[in-house]
Amino acid sequence: QVQLVESGGGLVQAGGSLTLSCTASGTIFSINDMGWYRQAPGKQRELVADITRGGSVDYGDSVRGRFTISRDNAKNTVYLQMNSLKPEDTAVYYCKLNVRSWLTRDYWGQGAQVTVSS
């Protein structure tokens, strides 16, 4: 009933910027929390940032001050603006949206590879 599509991953030099987006489609009444998670090889998946329906945000300690999460409710889309990228930001980034449809549950994006070269 609900599908997520991520875009915006790629290769960037240290100090550069990149923007990810995640768009939901299907039968959607509203979307509650939206978040971004990442997983590097050999490491656990970790929270990068999340944003509530009302616009309250939270960031992981390693990205606070460099990344910005935002949402466009009319487009059912969440964004992650990443600035001052570091090699340790290299990971697969996943969006997770809590969607009110005929059922209400979490949906995950397919993942976007972000690689930061030194």
Protein backbone atom coordinates (compact mmCIF):
# COMPACT_ATOMS: atom_id res chain seq x y z
CA GLN A 1 0.00 0.00 0.00
CA VAL A 2 2.89 2.38 0.78
CA GLN A 3 6.21 2.64 -1.04
CA LEU A 4 9.31 4.72 -0.23
CA VAL A 5 11.91 5.86 -2.76
CA GLU A 6 15.27 7.34 -1.72
CA SER A 7 17.54 9.44 -3.92
CA GLY A 8 20.60 11.66 -3.68
CA GLY A 9 23.40 9.33 -2.64
CA GLY A 10 26.80 9.42 -4.27
CA LEU A 11 30.51 10.12 -3.95
CA VAL A 12 31.75 13.40 -2.48
CA GLN A 13 35.07 14.78 -1.25
CA ALA A 14 35.66 15.51 2.43
CA GLY A 15 34.27 18.92 3.29
CA GLY A 16 31.64 18.72 0.59
CA SER A 17 27.85 18.57 0.75
CA LEU A 18 25.13 16.20 -0.33
CA THR A 19 21.34 16.11 0.01
CA LEU A 20 19.23 12.97 0.38
CA SER A 21 15.49 12.77 -0.16
CA CYS A 22 12.88 10.13 0.60
CA THR A 23 9.36 10.23 -0.84
CA ALA A 24 6.38 8.09 0.16
CA SER A 25 3.56 7.19 -2.20
CA GLY A 26 0.40 5.10 -2.03
CA THR A 27 -2.54 5.29 0.36
CA ILE A 28 -1.34 7.85 2.91
CA PHE A 29 -3.57 9.65 5.38
CA SER A 30 -0.70 11.37 7.18
CA ILE A 31 2.88 10.74 8.25
CA ASN A 32 4.04 10.88 11.85
CA ASP A 33 7.78 10.75 12.61
CA MET A 34 10.32 10.75 9.78
CA GLY A 35 13.92 9.75 10.34
CA TRP A 36 17.27 8.92 8.79
CA TYR A 37 19.51 6.05 9.89
CA ARG A 38 22.87 4.89 8.60
CA GLN A 39 24.93 1.73 8.70
CA ALA A 40 28.63 1.44 7.91
CA PRO A 41 30.34 -1.91 7.26
CA GLY A 42 30.97 -3.75 10.52
CA LYS A 43 28.94 -1.28 12.58
CA GLN A 44 25.41 -1.19 13.96
CA ARG A 45 22.70 0.90 12.36
CA GLU A 46 22.49 4.27 14.12
CA LEU A 47 20.11 7.19 14.25
CA VAL A 48 21.24 10.18 12.20
CA ALA A 49 18.26 12.50 12.63
CA ASP A 50 14.52 12.46 13.09
CA ILE A 51 11.68 14.96 12.84
CA THR A 52 8.16 14.80 14.22
CA ARG A 53 4.95 15.81 12.48
CA GLY A 54 5.09 19.08 14.42
CA GLY A 55 8.66 19.83 13.35
CA SER A 56 10.65 18.89 16.46
CA VAL A 57 14.08 17.54 15.49
CA ASP A 58 16.75 15.37 17.06
CA TYR A 59 20.28 14.60 15.81
CA GLY A 60 22.91 12.05 16.55
CA ASP A 61 25.93 13.50 18.35
CA SER A 62 28.27 12.84 15.44
CA VAL A 63 26.24 14.89 12.94
CA ARG A 64 24.77 17.69 15.05
CA GLY A 65 25.77 21.06 13.60
CA ARG A 66 26.59 19.61 10.18
CA PHE A 67 23.37 17.89 9.04
CA THR A 68 19.85 19.31 8.76
CA ILE A 69 16.65 17.29 8.52
CA SER A 70 13.48 18.80 7.07
CA ARG A 71 10.12 17.65 5.72
CA ASP A 72 7.54 18.70 3.16
CA ASN A 73 4.21 17.26 4.23
CA ALA A 74 2.47 18.25 0.98
CA LYS A 75 4.99 16.10 -0.93
CA ASN A 76 5.24 13.30 1.66
CA THR A 77 9.00 13.84 1.57
CA VAL A 78 11.82 14.04 4.10
CA TYR A 79 15.24 15.54 3.30
CA LEU A 80 18.69 15.30 4.84
CA GLN A 81 21.10 18.12 4.01
CA MET A 82 24.65 16.99 4.80
CA ASN A 83 27.43 19.58 5.02
CA SER A 84 31.11 19.39 6.00
CA LEU A 85 31.14 15.70 5.21
CA LYS A 86 33.84 13.49 6.72
CA PRO A 87 35.13 10.06 5.66
CA GLU A 88 33.50 8.58 8.77
CA ASP A 89 30.10 9.61 7.36
CA THR A 90 30.51 6.92 4.69
CA ALA A 91 27.59 4.51 5.07
CA VAL A 92 24.32 3.34 3.60
CA TYR A 93 21.62 5.79 4.62
CA TYR A 94 18.03 4.62 5.17
CA CYS A 95 14.89 6.66 5.70
CA LYS A 96 12.20 5.41 8.07
CA LEU A 97 8.70 6.87 8.03
CA ASN A 98 5.82 6.10 10.38
CA VAL A 99 2.86 6.26 8.00
CA ARG A 100 -0.86 6.39 8.76
CA SER A 101 -2.55 4.32 6.03
CA TRP A 102 -5.26 1.69 6.43
CA LEU A 103 -2.69 0.45 8.94
CA THR A 104 -0.19 2.60 10.81
CA ARG A 105 3.37 1.33 10.85
CA ASP A 106 7.01 2.04 10.01
CA TYR A 107 8.26 1.85 6.42
CA TRP A 108 11.93 1.74 5.38
CA GLY A 109 13.58 3.06 2.25
CA GLN A 110 15.82 0.91 0.07
CA GLY A 111 19.02 2.65 1.18
CA ALA A 112 21.33 5.17 -0.46
CA GLN A 113 25.12 4.79 -0.51
CA VAL A 114 27.07 7.85 0.62
CA THR A 115 30.84 7.69 0.17
CA VAL A 116 33.13 10.48 1.39
CA SER A 117 36.71 10.46 0.13
CA SER A 118 39.64 11.95 2.05
